[in-house]
Every structure is written in structure tokens, then in C-alpha cells.
């Protein structure tokens, strides 16, 4: 059995191993004020549980997006205003999948700021 490389976890604890971009988009689209976050973890990197990108839905329906690459000094955040209903969470899903697969351009796609310690 092949171990998953990625795992998406919803607010209610449901996990999806190796999600496709469409599956991740659907998880983000299902977020609401009762189910506020989705975490996408890289399971192939050390230290375990320290390589992830997560999205949190704020009260105003904007998004807080974070990524962490191992240590606290490599933990960043970006604020994404409430998306237009037609666009939905697709830009966030794309950034998350680009991050997960080490594709070019994801760092430039958002205005990342260091997380306060």
C-alpha cells in the first residue's frame, strides 16, 4: 500500500488523502461559519505535522491563509478578501495545490507576512 503524500483535513475531522485540485476546491467551497477551516499537510516532509497550508474562514467571509515549512520562523500568513461568488475559493485551491506540489509562483500569488510569535 502506498502512503499518501498529502492529507486534507476539514474542521469536523474528516480527512481526504492525496486530494485532487477539484476535491480540495470542493472542501474549501463547503466551508461555512460552522466549519471554518481546511488544512492541507505534506506527509512526506520532516518534522512531521510542521509542513502545511491552512485556510480559515473569518466572520466577514474573508480568508486567513497560512503556510508553515518546518519551524516557527517559516510560518507565514496572508489575508484574502471575501471572494466574488462566481470565483469562489478556486484561487486559494490553486495556491494550495501549487504549494503542495512545489510548483512555481505560489509564493508570489499572495502577500505573505510572517506569523507573529
PDB file of N, CA and C in Angstrom:
ATOM      1  N   UNK A   1       0.841  -1.181   0.000  1.00  0.00           N
ATOM      2  CA  UNK A   1       0.000   0.000   0.000  1.00  0.00           C
ATOM      3  C   UNK A   1       0.889   1.248   0.000  1.00  0.00           C
ATOM      4  N   UNK A   2       0.571   2.187  -0.864  1.00  0.00           N
ATOM      5  CA  UNK A   2       1.329   3.421  -0.978  1.00  0.00           C
ATOM      6  C   UNK A   2       0.821   4.420   0.061  1.00  0.00           C
ATOM      7  N   UNK A   3       1.764   5.016   0.790  1.00  0.00           N
ATOM      8  CA  UNK A   3       1.394   6.016   1.786  1.00  0.00           C
ATOM      9  C   UNK A   3       1.032   7.327   1.082  1.00  0.00           C
ATOM     10  N   UNK A   4       0.029   8.039   1.594  1.00  0.00           N
ATOM     11  CA  UNK A   4      -0.336   9.313   0.978  1.00  0.00           C
ATOM     12  C   UNK A   4       0.760  10.356   1.189  1.00  0.00           C
ATOM     13  N   UNK A   5       0.858  11.270   0.260  1.00  0.00           N
ATOM     14  CA  UNK A   5       1.815  12.370   0.354  1.00  0.00           C
ATOM     15  C   UNK A   5       1.138  13.603   0.939  1.00  0.00           C
ATOM     16  N   UNK A   6      -0.144  13.758   0.632  1.00  0.00           N
ATOM     17  CA  UNK A   6      -0.931  14.900   1.103  1.00  0.00           C
ATOM     18  C   UNK A   6      -2.126  14.403   1.898  1.00  0.00           C
ATOM     19  N   UNK A   7      -2.544  15.228   2.847  1.00  0.00           N
ATOM     20  CA  UNK A   7      -3.785  14.938   3.565  1.00  0.00           C
ATOM     21  C   UNK A   7      -4.493  16.255   3.839  1.00  0.00           C
ATOM     22  N   UNK A   8      -5.742  16.328   3.406  1.00  0.00           N
ATOM     23  CA  UNK A   8      -6.588  17.481   3.698  1.00  0.00           C
ATOM     24  C   UNK A   8      -7.511  17.097   4.845  1.00  0.00           C
ATOM     25  N   UNK A   9      -7.605  17.979   5.823  1.00  0.00           N
ATOM     26  CA  UNK A   9      -8.452  17.732   6.990  1.00  0.00           C
ATOM     27  C   UNK A   9      -9.414  18.896   7.138  1.00  0.00           C
ATOM     28  N   UNK A  10     -10.689  18.550   7.263  1.00  0.00           N
ATOM     29  CA  UNK A  10     -11.727  19.560   7.468  1.00  0.00           C
ATOM     30  C   UNK A  10     -11.910  19.827   8.952  1.00  0.00           C
ATOM     31  N   UNK A  11     -12.630  20.886   9.239  1.00  0.00           N
ATOM     32  CA  UNK A  11     -12.942  21.298  10.598  1.00  0.00           C
ATOM     33  C   UNK A  11     -13.576  20.173  11.416  1.00  0.00           C
ATOM     34  N   UNK A  12     -14.395  19.340  10.792  1.00  0.00           N
ATOM     35  CA  UNK A  12     -15.078  18.269  11.520  1.00  0.00           C
ATOM     36  C   UNK A  12     -14.222  17.013  11.678  1.00  0.00           C
ATOM     37  N   UNK A  13     -12.959  17.067  11.196  1.00  0.00           N
ATOM     38  CA  UNK A  13     -12.050  15.942  11.362  1.00  0.00           C
ATOM     39  C   UNK A  13     -11.983  14.991  10.187  1.00  0.00           C
ATOM     40  N   UNK A  14     -12.865  15.142   9.204  1.00  0.00           N
ATOM     41  CA  UNK A  14     -12.826  14.271   8.035  1.00  0.00           C
ATOM     42  C   UNK A  14     -11.545  14.527   7.261  1.00  0.00           C
ATOM     43  N   UNK A  15     -10.866  13.444   6.875  1.00  0.00           N
ATOM     44  CA  UNK A  15      -9.607  13.552   6.146  1.00  0.00           C
ATOM     45  C   UNK A  15      -9.753  12.979   4.744  1.00  0.00           C
ATOM     46  N   UNK A  16      -9.069  13.613   3.795  1.00  0.00           N
ATOM     47  CA  UNK A  16      -9.021  13.152   2.416  1.00  0.00           C
ATOM     48  C   UNK A  16      -7.546  13.018   2.049  1.00  0.00           C
ATOM     49  N   UNK A  17      -7.118  11.805   1.747  1.00  0.00           N
ATOM     50  CA  UNK A  17      -5.727  11.582   1.370  1.00  0.00           C
ATOM     51  C   UNK A  17      -5.515  11.869  -0.102  1.00  0.00           C
ATOM     52  N   UNK A  18      -4.379  12.515  -0.404  1.00  0.00           N
ATOM     53  CA  UNK A  18      -3.985  12.869  -1.765  1.00  0.00           C
ATOM     54  C   UNK A  18      -5.133  13.479  -2.568  1.00  0.00           C
ATOM     55  N   UNK A  19      -5.729  14.570  -2.060  1.00  0.00           N
ATOM     56  CA  UNK A  19      -6.860  15.171  -2.777  1.00  0.00           C
ATOM     57  C   UNK A  19      -6.434  15.752  -4.124  1.00  0.00           C
ATOM     58  N   UNK A  20      -7.315  15.674  -5.088  1.00  0.00           N
ATOM     59  CA  UNK A  20      -7.113  16.355  -6.371  1.00  0.00           C
ATOM     60  C   UNK A  20      -7.400  17.833  -6.158  1.00  0.00           C
ATOM     61  N   UNK A  21      -7.073  18.650  -7.145  1.00  0.00           N
ATOM     62  CA  UNK A  21      -7.386  20.070  -7.040  1.00  0.00           C
ATOM     63  C   UNK A  21      -8.893  20.275  -6.962  1.00  0.00           C
ATOM     64  N   UNK A  22      -9.664  19.489  -7.705  1.00  0.00           N
ATOM     65  CA  UNK A  22     -11.129  19.591  -7.633  1.00  0.00           C
ATOM     66  C   UNK A  22     -11.643  19.220  -6.249  1.00  0.00           C
ATOM     67  N   UNK A  23     -11.097  18.160  -5.667  1.00  0.00           N
ATOM     68  CA  UNK A  23     -11.536  17.737  -4.330  1.00  0.00           C
ATOM     69  C   UNK A  23     -11.197  18.805  -3.290  1.00  0.00           C
ATOM     70  N   UNK A  24     -10.009  19.388  -3.395  1.00  0.00           N
ATOM     71  CA  UNK A  24      -9.628  20.447  -2.458  1.00  0.00           C
ATOM     72  C   UNK A  24     -10.538  21.659  -2.648  1.00  0.00           C
ATOM     73  N   UNK A  25     -10.826  22.015  -3.887  1.00  0.00           N
ATOM     74  CA  UNK A  25     -11.742  23.122  -4.168  1.00  0.00           C
ATOM     75  C   UNK A  25     -13.089  22.862  -3.499  1.00  0.00           C
ATOM     76  N   UNK A  26     -13.596  21.642  -3.608  1.00  0.00           N
ATOM     77  CA  UNK A  26     -14.888  21.303  -3.001  1.00  0.00           C
ATOM     78  C   UNK A  26     -14.841  21.430  -1.485  1.00  0.00           C
ATOM     79  N   UNK A  27     -13.734  21.016  -0.863  1.00  0.00           N
ATOM     80  CA  UNK A  27     -13.602  21.154   0.591  1.00  0.00           C
ATOM     81  C   UNK A  27     -13.633  22.627   0.989  1.00  0.00           C
ATOM     82  N   UNK A  28     -12.933  23.462   0.236  1.00  0.00           N
ATOM     83  CA  UNK A  28     -12.921  24.897   0.529  1.00  0.00           C
ATOM     84  C   UNK A  28     -14.295  25.513   0.280  1.00  0.00           C
ATOM     85  N   UNK A  29     -14.974  25.092  -0.779  1.00  0.00           N
ATOM     86  CA  UNK A  29     -16.300  25.629  -1.101  1.00  0.00           C
ATOM     87  C   UNK A  29     -17.327  25.252  -0.035  1.00  0.00           C
ATOM     88  N   UNK A  30     -17.097  24.147   0.655  1.00  0.00           N
ATOM     89  CA  UNK A  30     -18.020  23.700   1.701  1.00  0.00           C
ATOM     90  C   UNK A  30     -17.801  24.404   3.039  1.00  0.00           C
ATOM     91  N   UNK A  31     -16.755  25.216   3.143  1.00  0.00           N
ATOM     92  CA  UNK A  31     -16.511  25.920   4.401  1.00  0.00           C
ATOM     93  C   UNK A  31     -17.661  26.882   4.685  1.00  0.00           C
ATOM     94  N   UNK A  32     -17.990  27.012   5.964  1.00  0.00           N
ATOM     95  CA  UNK A  32     -19.025  27.949   6.385  1.00  0.00           C
ATOM     96  C   UNK A  32     -18.719  28.361   7.819  1.00  0.00           C
ATOM     97  N   UNK A  33     -19.577  29.151   8.428  1.00  0.00           N
ATOM     98  CA  UNK A  33     -19.290  29.660   9.763  1.00  0.00           C
ATOM     99  C   UNK A  33     -19.358  28.585  10.850  1.00  0.00           C
ATOM    100  N   UNK A  34     -19.807  27.403  10.507  1.00  0.00           N
ATOM    101  CA  UNK A  34     -19.781  26.271  11.456  1.00  0.00           C
ATOM    102  C   UNK A  34     -18.609  25.346  11.185  1.00  0.00           C
ATOM    103  N   UNK A  35     -18.133  25.338   9.955  1.00  0.00           N
ATOM    104  CA  UNK A  35     -16.978  24.519   9.540  1.00  0.00           C
ATOM    105  C   UNK A  35     -15.987  25.469   8.879  1.00  0.00           C
ATOM    106  N   UNK A  36     -15.110  26.028   9.714  1.00  0.00           N
ATOM    107  CA  UNK A  36     -14.317  27.189   9.311  1.00  0.00           C
ATOM    108  C   UNK A  36     -12.960  26.907   8.695  1.00  0.00           C
ATOM    109  N   UNK A  37     -12.418  25.701   8.785  1.00  0.00           N
ATOM    110  CA  UNK A  37     -11.068  25.552   8.263  1.00  0.00           C
ATOM    111  C   UNK A  37     -10.837  24.255   7.509  1.00  0.00           C
ATOM    112  N   UNK A  38      -9.798  24.325   6.676  1.00  0.00           N
ATOM    113  CA  UNK A  38      -9.271  23.171   5.949  1.00  0.00           C
ATOM    114  C   UNK A  38      -7.751  23.259   6.048  1.00  0.00           C
ATOM    115  N   UNK A  39      -7.121  22.150   6.386  1.00  0.00           N
ATOM    116  CA  UNK A  39      -5.662  22.075   6.479  1.00  0.00           C
ATOM    117  C   UNK A  39      -5.173  21.064   5.452  1.00  0.00           C
ATOM    118  N   UNK A  40      -4.177  21.461   4.679  1.00  0.00           N
ATOM    119  CA  UNK A  40      -3.536  20.560   3.725  1.00  0.00           C
ATOM    120  C   UNK A  40      -2.112  20.330   4.210  1.00  0.00           C
ATOM    121  N   UNK A  41      -1.791  19.091   4.553  1.00  0.00           N
ATOM    122  CA  UNK A  41      -0.478  18.756   5.103  1.00  0.00           C
ATOM    123  C   UNK A  41       0.347  17.958   4.118  1.00  0.00           C
ATOM    124  N   UNK A  42       1.658  18.218   4.142  1.00  0.00           N
ATOM    125  CA  UNK A  42       2.617  17.393   3.406  1.00  0.00           C
ATOM    126  C   UNK A  42       3.087  16.316   4.379  1.00  0.00           C
ATOM    127  N   UNK A  43       2.814  15.069   4.067  1.00  0.00           N
ATOM    128  CA  UNK A  43       3.156  13.961   4.950  1.00  0.00           C
ATOM    129  C   UNK A  43       4.539  13.393   4.665  1.00  0.00           C
ATOM    130  N   UNK A  44       5.171  13.869   3.603  1.00  0.00           N
ATOM    131  CA  UNK A  44       6.471  13.334   3.194  1.00  0.00           C
ATOM    132  C   UNK A  44       7.651  14.155   3.699  1.00  0.00           C
ATOM    133  N   UNK A  45       7.397  15.172   4.507  1.00  0.00           N
ATOM    134  CA  UNK A  45       8.462  16.052   4.979  1.00  0.00           C
ATOM    135  C   UNK A  45       8.596  15.992   6.493  1.00  0.00           C
ATOM    136  N   UNK A  46       9.804  16.207   6.972  1.00  0.00           N
ATOM    137  CA  UNK A  46      10.101  16.247   8.407  1.00  0.00           C
ATOM    138  C   UNK A  46      10.349  17.696   8.797  1.00  0.00           C
ATOM    139  N   UNK A  47      10.048  18.105  10.015  1.00  0.00           N
ATOM    140  CA  UNK A  47       9.373  17.324  11.049  1.00  0.00           C
ATOM    141  C   UNK A  47       7.901  17.119  10.722  1.00  0.00           C
ATOM    142  N   UNK A  48       7.389  16.003  11.147  1.00  0.00           N
ATOM    143  CA  UNK A  48       6.005  15.623  10.906  1.00  0.00           C
ATOM    144  C   UNK A  48       5.076  16.698  11.473  1.00  0.00           C
ATOM    145  N   UNK A  49       4.002  16.974  10.792  1.00  0.00           N
ATOM    146  CA  UNK A  49       2.974  17.945  11.184  1.00  0.00           C
ATOM    147  C   UNK A  49       3.456  19.396  11.182  1.00  0.00           C
ATOM    148  N   UNK A  50       4.577  19.682  10.538  1.00  0.00           N
ATOM    149  CA  UNK A  50       5.079  21.049  10.510  1.00  0.00           C
ATOM    150  C   UNK A  50       5.213  21.606   9.093  1.00  0.00           C
ATOM    151  N   UNK A  51       4.625  20.897   8.129  1.00  0.00           N
ATOM    152  CA  UNK A  51       4.613  21.359   6.739  1.00  0.00           C
ATOM    153  C   UNK A  51       3.164  21.327   6.263  1.00  0.00           C
ATOM    154  N   UNK A  52       2.530  22.500   6.296  1.00  0.00           N
ATOM    155  CA  UNK A  52       1.108  22.542   5.958  1.00  0.00           C
ATOM    156  C   UNK A  52       0.724  23.901   5.429  1.00  0.00           C
ATOM    157  N   UNK A  53      -0.433  23.933   4.794  1.00  0.00           N
ATOM    158  CA  UNK A  53      -1.092  25.169   4.415  1.00  0.00           C
ATOM    159  C   UNK A  53      -2.525  25.032   4.912  1.00  0.00           C
ATOM    160  N   UNK A  54      -3.020  26.069   5.547  1.00  0.00           N
ATOM    161  CA  UNK A  54      -4.383  26.008   6.076  1.00  0.00           C
ATOM    162  C   UNK A  54      -5.140  27.271   5.738  1.00  0.00           C
ATOM    163  N   UNK A  55      -6.455  27.110   5.676  1.00  0.00           N
ATOM    164  CA  UNK A  55      -7.355  28.213   5.362  1.00  0.00           C
ATOM    165  C   UNK A  55      -8.398  28.285   6.466  1.00  0.00           C
ATOM    166  N   UNK A  56      -8.619  29.503   6.962  1.00  0.00           N
ATOM    167  CA  UNK A  56      -9.623  29.751   7.996  1.00  0.00           C
ATOM    168  C   UNK A  56     -10.612  30.778   7.455  1.00  0.00           C
ATOM    169  N   UNK A  57     -11.894  30.503   7.608  1.00  0.00           N
ATOM    170  CA  UNK A  57     -12.950  31.409   7.164  1.00  0.00           C
ATOM    171  C   UNK A  57     -13.293  32.377   8.293  1.00  0.00           C
ATOM    172  N   UNK A  58     -13.051  33.660   8.051  1.00  0.00           N
ATOM    173  CA  UNK A  58     -13.342  34.698   9.044  1.00  0.00           C
ATOM    174  C   UNK A  58     -14.832  35.023   9.087  1.00  0.00           C
ATOM    175  N   UNK A  59     -15.255  35.728  10.135  1.00  0.00           N
ATOM    176  CA  UNK A  59     -16.664  36.105  10.284  1.00  0.00           C
ATOM    177  C   UNK A  59     -17.189  36.915   9.096  1.00  0.00           C
ATOM    178  N   UNK A  60     -16.330  37.728   8.475  1.00  0.00           N
ATOM    179  CA  UNK A  60     -16.752  38.546   7.337  1.00  0.00           C
ATOM    180  C   UNK A  60     -16.654  37.797   6.005  1.00  0.00           C
ATOM    181  N   UNK A  61     -16.412  36.483   6.071  1.00  0.00           N
ATOM    182  CA  UNK A  61     -16.314  35.588   4.921  1.00  0.00           C
ATOM    183  C   UNK A  61     -15.028  35.787   4.113  1.00  0.00           C
ATOM    184  N   UNK A  62     -14.079  36.532   4.657  1.00  0.00           N
ATOM    185  CA  UNK A  62     -12.751  36.594   4.056  1.00  0.00           C
ATOM    186  C   UNK A  62     -11.966  35.375   4.571  1.00  0.00           C
ATOM    187  N   UNK A  63     -10.780  35.168   4.020  1.00  0.00           N
ATOM    188  CA  UNK A  63      -9.981  34.009   4.399  1.00  0.00           C
ATOM    189  C   UNK A  63      -8.657  34.422   5.023  1.00  0.00           C
ATOM    190  N   UNK A  64      -8.233  33.682   6.006  1.00  0.00           N
ATOM    191  CA  UNK A  64      -6.889  33.754   6.559  1.00  0.00           C
ATOM    192  C   UNK A  64      -6.180  32.509   6.049  1.00  0.00           C
ATOM    193  N   UNK A  65      -5.121  32.682   5.274  1.00  0.00           N
ATOM    194  CA  UNK A  65      -4.376  31.562   4.720  1.00  0.00           C
ATOM    195  C   UNK A  65      -3.000  31.555   5.371  1.00  0.00           C
ATOM    196  N   UNK A  66      -2.557  30.390   5.813  1.00  0.00           N
ATOM    197  CA  UNK A  66      -1.245  30.260   6.438  1.00  0.00           C
ATOM    198  C   UNK A  66      -0.492  29.107   5.806  1.00  0.00           C
ATOM    199  N   UNK A  67       0.826  29.232   5.820  1.00  0.00           N
ATOM    200  CA  UNK A  67       1.646  28.070   5.497  1.00  0.00           C
ATOM    201  C   UNK A  67       2.818  28.016   6.462  1.00  0.00           C
ATOM    202  N   UNK A  68       3.280  26.822   6.696  1.00  0.00           N
ATOM    203  CA  UNK A  68       4.420  26.592   7.584  1.00  0.00           C
ATOM    204  C   UNK A  68       5.324  25.576   6.918  1.00  0.00           C
ATOM    205  N   UNK A  69       6.616  25.857   6.962  1.00  0.00           N
ATOM    206  CA  UNK A  69       7.622  24.981   6.369  1.00  0.00           C
ATOM    207  C   UNK A  69       8.619  24.540   7.419  1.00  0.00           C
ATOM    208  N   UNK A  70       8.140  23.851   8.431  1.00  0.00           N
ATOM    209  CA  UNK A  70       9.022  23.264   9.429  1.00  0.00           C
ATOM    210  C   UNK A  70       9.087  24.006  10.734  1.00  0.00           C
ATOM    211  N   UNK A  71       9.721  25.153  10.767  1.00  0.00           N
ATOM    212  CA  UNK A  71       9.945  25.835  12.041  1.00  0.00           C
ATOM    213  C   UNK A  71       9.102  27.100  12.146  1.00  0.00           C
ATOM    214  N   UNK A  72       9.015  27.626  13.361  1.00  0.00           N
ATOM    215  CA  UNK A  72       8.177  28.802  13.618  1.00  0.00           C
ATOM    216  C   UNK A  72       8.618  30.014  12.798  1.00  0.00           C
ATOM    217  N   UNK A  73       9.903  30.125  12.474  1.00  0.00           N
ATOM    218  CA  UNK A  73      10.362  31.257  11.684  1.00  0.00           C
ATOM    219  C   UNK A  73      10.028  31.106  10.201  1.00  0.00           C
ATOM    220  N   UNK A  74       9.449  29.991   9.829  1.00  0.00           N
ATOM    221  CA  UNK A  74       8.995  29.753   8.455  1.00  0.00           C
ATOM    222  C   UNK A  74       7.478  29.547   8.425  1.00  0.00           C
ATOM    223  N   UNK A  75       6.779  30.372   9.203  1.00  0.00           N
ATOM    224  CA  UNK A  75       5.322  30.316   9.320  1.00  0.00           C
ATOM    225  C   UNK A  75       4.794  31.676   8.866  1.00  0.00           C
ATOM    226  N   UNK A  76       3.978  31.685   7.813  1.00  0.00           N
ATOM    227  CA  UNK A  76       3.525  32.925   7.192  1.00  0.00           C
ATOM    228  C   UNK A  76       2.012  32.930   7.030  1.00  0.00           C
ATOM    229  N   UNK A  77       1.459  34.137   6.850  1.00  0.00           N
ATOM    230  CA  UNK A  77       0.023  34.300   6.693  1.00  0.00           C
ATOM    231  C   UNK A  77      -0.284  35.306   5.595  1.00  0.00           C
ATOM    232  N   UNK A  78      -1.482  35.174   5.054  1.00  0.00           N
ATOM    233  CA  UNK A  78      -1.990  36.140   4.073  1.00  0.00           C
ATOM    234  C   UNK A  78      -3.491  36.268   4.291  1.00  0.00           C
ATOM    235  N   UNK A  79      -3.993  37.455   4.072  1.00  0.00           N
ATOM    236  CA  UNK A  79      -5.429  37.702   4.160  1.00  0.00           C
ATOM    237  C   UNK A  79      -5.977  37.776   2.744  1.00  0.00           C
ATOM    238  N   UNK A  80      -7.064  37.074   2.511  1.00  0.00           N
ATOM    239  CA  UNK A  80      -7.713  37.081   1.200  1.00  0.00           C
ATOM    240  C   UNK A  80      -9.124  37.627   1.403  1.00  0.00           C
ATOM    241  N   UNK A  81      -9.431  38.786   0.799  1.00  0.00           N
ATOM    242  CA  UNK A  81     -10.770  39.347   0.956  1.00  0.00           C
ATOM    243  C   UNK A  81     -11.841  38.379   0.475  1.00  0.00           C
ATOM    244  N   UNK A  82     -13.042  38.635   0.918  1.00  0.00           N
ATOM    245  CA  UNK A  82     -14.171  37.796   0.511  1.00  0.00           C
ATOM    246  C   UNK A  82     -14.208  37.684  -1.005  1.00  0.00           C
ATOM    247  N   UNK A  83     -14.217  36.459  -1.507  1.00  0.00           N
ATOM    248  CA  UNK A  83     -14.207  36.301  -2.961  1.00  0.00           C
ATOM    249  C   UNK A  83     -15.571  36.603  -3.561  1.00  0.00           C
ATOM    250  N   UNK A  84     -15.538  37.015  -4.787  1.00  0.00           N
ATOM    251  CA  UNK A  84     -16.781  37.193  -5.538  1.00  0.00           C
ATOM    252  C   UNK A  84     -17.428  35.820  -5.670  1.00  0.00           C
ATOM    253  N   UNK A  85     -18.702  35.739  -5.564  1.00  0.00           N
ATOM    254  CA  UNK A  85     -19.412  34.455  -5.557  1.00  0.00           C
ATOM    255  C   UNK A  85     -19.111  33.589  -6.777  1.00  0.00           C
ATOM    256  N   UNK A  86     -18.866  34.205  -7.929  1.00  0.00           N
ATOM    257  CA  UNK A  86     -18.603  33.426  -9.139  1.00  0.00           C
ATOM    258  C   UNK A  86     -17.232  32.756  -9.063  1.00  0.00           C
ATOM    259  N   UNK A  87     -16.251  33.446  -8.508  1.00  0.00           N
ATOM    260  CA  UNK A  87     -14.888  32.919  -8.430  1.00  0.00           C
ATOM    261  C   UNK A  87     -14.776  31.866  -7.341  1.00  0.00           C
ATOM    262  N   UNK A  88     -15.358  32.134  -6.182  1.00  0.00           N
ATOM    263  CA  UNK A  88     -15.289  31.194  -5.074  1.00  0.00           C
ATOM    264  C   UNK A  88     -13.854  30.978  -4.612  1.00  0.00           C
ATOM    265  N   UNK A  89     -13.572  29.816  -4.067  1.00  0.00           N
ATOM    266  CA  UNK A  89     -12.249  29.566  -3.490  1.00  0.00           C
ATOM    267  C   UNK A  89     -11.208  29.041  -4.478  1.00  0.00           C
ATOM    268  N   UNK A  90     -11.496  29.082  -5.775  1.00  0.00           N
ATOM    269  CA  UNK A  90     -10.555  28.494  -6.738  1.00  0.00           C
ATOM    270  C   UNK A  90      -9.141  29.051  -6.632  1.00  0.00           C
ATOM    271  N   UNK A  91      -8.939  30.383  -6.512  1.00  0.00           N
ATOM    272  CA  UNK A  91      -7.559  30.872  -6.407  1.00  0.00           C
ATOM    273  C   UNK A  91      -6.820  30.312  -5.191  1.00  0.00           C
ATOM    274  N   UNK A  92      -7.525  30.130  -4.094  1.00  0.00           N
ATOM    275  CA  UNK A  92      -6.888  29.569  -2.898  1.00  0.00           C
ATOM    276  C   UNK A  92      -6.563  28.099  -3.115  1.00  0.00           C
ATOM    277  N   UNK A  93      -7.466  27.355  -3.713  1.00  0.00           N
ATOM    278  CA  UNK A  93      -7.205  25.938  -4.008  1.00  0.00           C
ATOM    279  C   UNK A  93      -5.988  25.802  -4.911  1.00  0.00           C
ATOM    280  N   UNK A  94      -5.849  26.692  -5.890  1.00  0.00           N
ATOM    281  CA  UNK A  94      -4.705  26.627  -6.802  1.00  0.00           C
ATOM    282  C   UNK A  94      -3.407  26.886  -6.053  1.00  0.00           C
ATOM    283  N   UNK A  95      -3.378  27.912  -5.207  1.00  0.00           N
ATOM    284  CA  UNK A  95      -2.171  28.208  -4.431  1.00  0.00           C
ATOM    285  C   UNK A  95      -1.821  27.016  -3.539  1.00  0.00           C
ATOM    286  N   UNK A  96      -2.811  26.424  -2.910  1.00  0.00           N
ATOM    287  CA  UNK A  96      -2.551  25.288  -2.024  1.00  0.00           C
ATOM    288  C   UNK A  96      -1.969  24.097  -2.792  1.00  0.00           C
ATOM    289  N   UNK A  97      -2.519  23.801  -3.957  1.00  0.00           N
ATOM    290  CA  UNK A  97      -2.007  22.671  -4.734  1.00  0.00           C
ATOM    291  C   UNK A  97      -0.634  22.989  -5.326  1.00  0.00           C
ATOM    292  N   UNK A  98      -0.420  24.238  -5.722  1.00  0.00           N
ATOM    293  CA  UNK A  98       0.908  24.616  -6.216  1.00  0.00           C
ATOM    294  C   UNK A  98       1.941  24.469  -5.099  1.00  0.00           C
ATOM    295  N   UNK A  99       1.592  24.893  -3.886  1.00  0.00           N
ATOM    296  CA  UNK A  99       2.477  24.715  -2.739  1.00  0.00           C
ATOM    297  C   UNK A  99       2.748  23.226  -2.503  1.00  0.00           C
ATOM    298  N   UNK A 100       1.705  22.434  -2.501  1.00  0.00           N
ATOM    299  CA  UNK A 100       1.825  21.010  -2.191  1.00  0.00           C
ATOM    300  C   UNK A 100       2.703  20.263  -3.191  1.00  0.00           C
ATOM    301  N   UNK A 101       2.713  20.738  -4.439  1.00  0.00           N
ATOM    302  CA  UNK A 101       3.466  20.050  -5.492  1.00  0.00           C
ATOM    303  C   UNK A 101       4.722  20.816  -5.916  1.00  0.00           C
ATOM    304  N   UNK A 102       5.148  21.774  -5.085  1.00  0.00           N
ATOM    305  CA  UNK A 102       6.374  22.548  -5.340  1.00  0.00           C
ATOM    306  C   UNK A 102       6.387  23.214  -6.715  1.00  0.00           C
ATOM    307  N   UNK A 103       5.242  23.732  -7.138  1.00  0.00           N
ATOM    308  CA  UNK A 103       5.164  24.424  -8.425  1.00  0.00           C
ATOM    309  C   UNK A 103       5.578  25.890  -8.266  1.00  0.00           C
ATOM    310  N   UNK A 104       6.050  26.465  -9.325  1.00  0.00           N
ATOM    311  CA  UNK A 104       6.461  27.874  -9.336  1.00  0.00           C
ATOM    312  C   UNK A 104       5.259  28.799  -9.135  1.00  0.00           C
ATOM    313  N   UNK A 105       5.504  29.948  -8.499  1.00  0.00           N
ATOM    314  CA  UNK A 105       4.540  31.034  -8.461  1.00  0.00           C
ATOM    315  C   UNK A 105       3.634  31.125  -7.258  1.00  0.00           C
ATOM    316  N   UNK A 106       3.536  30.092  -6.435  1.00  0.00           N
ATOM    317  CA  UNK A 106       2.577  30.174  -5.327  1.00  0.00           C
ATOM    318  C   UNK A 106       2.973  31.221  -4.296  1.00  0.00           C
ATOM    319  N   UNK A 107       4.264  31.421  -4.088  1.00  0.00           N
ATOM    320  CA  UNK A 107       4.701  32.426  -3.093  1.00  0.00           C
ATOM    321  C   UNK A 107       4.333  33.846  -3.537  1.00  0.00           C
ATOM    322  N   UNK A 108       4.349  34.085  -4.835  1.00  0.00           N
ATOM    323  CA  UNK A 108       4.042  35.411  -5.362  1.00  0.00           C
ATOM    324  C   UNK A 108       2.533  35.645  -5.502  1.00  0.00           C
ATOM    325  N   UNK A 109       1.743  34.604  -5.353  1.00  0.00           N
ATOM    326  CA  UNK A 109       0.297  34.709  -5.565  1.00  0.00           C
ATOM    327  C   UNK A 109      -0.422  35.435  -4.427  1.00  0.00           C
ATOM    328  N   UNK A 110       0.220  35.513  -3.260  1.00  0.00           N
ATOM    329  CA  UNK A 110      -0.390  36.179  -2.104  1.00  0.00           C
ATOM    330  C   UNK A 110       0.652  37.035  -1.406  1.00  0.00           C
ATOM    331  N   UNK A 111       0.174  38.008  -0.656  1.00  0.00           N
ATOM    332  CA  UNK A 111       1.060  38.894   0.108  1.00  0.00           C
ATOM    333  C   UNK A 111       1.328  38.257   1.473  1.00  0.00           C
ATOM    334  N   UNK A 112       2.335  37.393   1.545  1.00  0.00           N
ATOM    335  CA  UNK A 112       2.645  36.642   2.762  1.00  0.00           C
ATOM    336  C   UNK A 112       3.377  37.530   3.773  1.00  0.00           C
ATOM    337  N   UNK A 113       2.967  37.437   5.023  1.00  0.00           N
ATOM    338  CA  UNK A 113       3.605  38.129   6.130  1.00  0.00           C
ATOM    339  C   UNK A 113       3.992  37.110   7.184  1.00  0.00           C
ATOM    340  N   UNK A 114       5.092  37.330   7.908  1.00  0.00           N
ATOM    341  CA  UNK A 114       5.447  36.395   8.976  1.00  0.00           C
ATOM    342  C   UNK A 114       4.346  36.333  10.040  1.00  0.00           C
ATOM    343  N   UNK A 115       4.121  35.132  10.554  1.00  0.00           N
ATOM    344  CA  UNK A 115       3.167  34.970  11.655  1.00  0.00           C
ATOM    345  C   UNK A 115       3.786  35.561  12.915  1.00  0.00           C
ATOM    346  N   UNK A 116       3.012  36.307  13.683  1.00  0.00           N
ATOM    347  CA  UNK A 116       3.552  36.827  14.949  1.00  0.00           C
ATOM    348  C   UNK A 116       3.793  35.663  15.919  1.00  0.00           C
ATOM    349  N   UNK A 117       4.874  35.773  16.639  1.00  0.00           N
ATOM    350  CA  UNK A 117       5.212  34.722  17.601  1.00  0.00           C
ATOM    351  C   UNK A 117       4.562  34.925  18.934  1.00  0.00           C
TER     352      UNK A 117
END
